[in-house]
Protein backbone atom coordinates (compact mmCIF):
# COMPACT_ATOMS: atom_id res chain seq x y z
CA UNK A 1 0.00 0.00 0.00
CA UNK A 2 2.92 2.33 -0.51
CA UNK A 3 1.54 3.53 -3.84
CA UNK A 4 4.41 2.25 -5.94
CA UNK A 5 2.17 0.47 -8.45
CA UNK A 6 0.89 2.87 -11.10
CA UNK A 7 -2.55 1.25 -11.33
CA UNK A 8 -3.31 1.86 -7.63
CA UNK A 9 -1.30 5.00 -6.90
CA UNK A 10 -4.11 7.51 -7.67
CA UNK A 11 -6.43 5.82 -5.17
CA UNK A 12 -4.33 6.39 -2.04
CA UNK A 13 -4.80 6.53 0.88
CA UNK A 14 -6.61 3.24 1.35
CA UNK A 15 -9.21 2.59 3.99
CA UNK A 16 -10.25 -0.90 5.04
CA UNK A 17 -14.01 -1.22 4.89
CA UNK A 18 -14.45 -4.96 5.30
CA UNK A 19 -12.46 -7.89 6.63
CA UNK A 20 -13.27 -11.54 7.14
CA UNK A 21 -11.12 -14.49 8.15
CA UNK A 22 -11.08 -17.83 6.37
CA UNK A 23 -9.79 -21.16 7.69
CA UNK A 24 -7.26 -21.65 4.89
CA UNK A 25 -5.96 -20.19 1.65
CA UNK A 26 -8.27 -22.17 -0.63
CA UNK A 27 -11.34 -21.00 1.31
CA UNK A 28 -10.07 -17.42 1.13
CA UNK A 29 -9.58 -17.65 -2.62
CA UNK A 30 -13.06 -19.15 -3.04
CA UNK A 31 -14.58 -16.31 -0.99
CA UNK A 32 -12.66 -13.72 -3.00
CA UNK A 33 -14.14 -15.16 -6.21
CA UNK A 34 -17.63 -15.01 -4.65
CA UNK A 35 -17.17 -11.36 -3.72
CA UNK A 36 -16.07 -10.50 -7.25
CA UNK A 37 -19.29 -11.91 -8.75
CA UNK A 38 -22.45 -9.83 -9.12
CA UNK A 39 -24.04 -10.81 -5.78
CA UNK A 40 -20.75 -10.27 -3.95
CA UNK A 41 -20.32 -6.85 -5.51
CA UNK A 42 -23.82 -5.90 -4.40
CA UNK A 43 -22.93 -7.01 -0.86
CA UNK A 44 -19.75 -4.93 -0.85
CA UNK A 45 -21.52 -1.89 -2.30
CA UNK A 46 -24.13 -2.14 0.46
CA UNK A 47 -21.30 -1.96 3.02
CA UNK A 48 -19.92 1.27 1.61
CA UNK A 49 -23.30 2.79 0.83
CA UNK A 50 -23.00 3.12 -2.96
């Protein structure tokens, strides 16, 4: 999060809006995929109020 990557640099500073723990890496990757789908995006948007 130091802003060294050009694709993310304009969006600094970052603010964590949601966090959830998973039992292992495969479960975390599965959950990440779920959140990137339409229903997951709606859930995340509801958290930030957009």
